[in-house]
Protein backbone atom coordinates (compact mmCIF):
# COMPACT_ATOMS: atom_id res chain seq x y z
CA UNK A 1 -83.63 -57.03 -24.53
CA UNK A 2 -84.15 -55.73 -28.06
CA UNK A 3 -86.83 -58.21 -28.74
CA UNK A 4 -88.76 -56.91 -25.71
CA UNK A 5 -88.24 -53.33 -26.62
CA UNK A 6 -89.61 -54.08 -30.27
CA UNK A 7 -92.58 -55.89 -28.79
CA UNK A 8 -93.04 -52.96 -26.37
CA UNK A 9 -93.16 -50.47 -29.35
CA UNK A 10 -95.48 -52.82 -31.43
CA UNK A 11 -98.01 -53.31 -28.92
CA UNK A 12 -98.09 -50.07 -27.35
CA UNK A 13 -97.13 -50.81 -23.73
CA UNK A 14 -94.22 -49.47 -21.66
CA UNK A 15 -91.09 -51.51 -21.52
CA UNK A 16 -91.39 -51.35 -17.72
CA UNK A 17 -95.08 -52.76 -17.79
CA UNK A 18 -94.05 -55.44 -20.36
CA UNK A 19 -91.10 -56.57 -18.09
CA UNK A 20 -93.65 -56.89 -15.00
CA UNK A 21 -95.68 -59.20 -17.31
CA UNK A 22 -92.46 -60.92 -18.28
CA UNK A 23 -91.22 -61.77 -14.92
CA UNK A 24 -94.59 -62.70 -13.63
CA UNK A 25 -94.90 -59.92 -11.11
CA UNK A 26 -98.07 -58.58 -12.39
CA UNK A 27 -101.18 -59.18 -10.35
CA UNK A 28 -103.49 -58.78 -13.40
CA UNK A 29 -103.39 -58.12 -17.13
CA UNK A 30 -106.03 -56.56 -19.18
CA UNK A 31 -107.65 -58.34 -22.00
CA UNK A 32 -106.82 -55.83 -24.63
CA UNK A 33 -103.19 -56.05 -23.56
CA UNK A 34 -103.34 -59.97 -23.61
CA UNK A 35 -104.91 -59.55 -27.30
CA UNK A 36 -102.23 -57.16 -28.50
CA UNK A 37 -99.45 -59.48 -27.29
CA UNK A 38 -100.97 -62.56 -28.65
CA UNK A 39 -101.69 -60.72 -32.01
CA UNK A 40 -97.98 -59.63 -32.19
CA UNK A 41 -96.57 -62.88 -31.34
CA UNK A 42 -99.30 -64.69 -33.44
CA UNK A 43 -100.05 -66.99 -30.23
CA UNK A 44 -102.99 -68.05 -28.08
CA UNK A 45 -103.39 -66.96 -24.35
CA UNK A 46 -102.58 -70.47 -23.36
CA UNK A 47 -99.18 -70.05 -24.66
CA UNK A 48 -98.35 -67.34 -22.32
CA UNK A 49 -100.38 -67.87 -19.23
CA UNK A 50 -100.21 -70.75 -16.65
CA UNK A 51 -102.69 -71.29 -13.90
CA UNK A 52 -101.20 -71.23 -10.36
CA UNK A 53 -103.55 -71.84 -7.46
CA UNK A 54 -103.89 -68.95 -5.03
CA UNK A 55 -103.44 -69.41 -1.40
CA UNK A 56 -106.56 -70.57 0.59
CA UNK A 57 -106.89 -66.94 1.99
CA UNK A 58 -106.91 -65.32 -1.27
CA UNK A 59 -109.18 -67.89 -2.77
CA UNK A 60 -111.66 -67.04 -0.35
CA UNK A 61 -111.27 -63.31 -0.68
CA UNK A 62 -111.70 -63.64 -4.32
CA UNK A 63 -114.94 -65.78 -4.09
CA UNK A 64 -116.35 -63.20 -1.53
CA UNK A 65 -115.68 -60.27 -4.01
CA UNK A 66 -117.38 -62.33 -7.00
CA UNK A 67 -120.36 -63.13 -4.75
CA UNK A 68 -120.77 -59.40 -3.81
CA UNK A 69 -120.46 -58.20 -7.46
CA UNK A 70 -122.88 -60.73 -8.75
CA UNK A 71 -125.48 -59.96 -6.02
CA UNK A 72 -125.25 -56.23 -7.00
CA UNK A 73 -125.50 -57.19 -10.74
CA UNK A 74 -128.68 -59.07 -10.14
């Protein structure tokens, strides 16, 4: 646990939030957080992340949100 606590201090994220990321329970991660973790660990995002396909309903919902956001941006 000392390594996680040290990383928490180095990147400025709470131990609780870092634990959520570590266990895979996070629903999202900010790019600034990912950048800080990669800088501290001297790694690339691909070393930390794994693509896991969502369920069909989640994929459909995400596509709908993306379509709406794209339409309003144009």
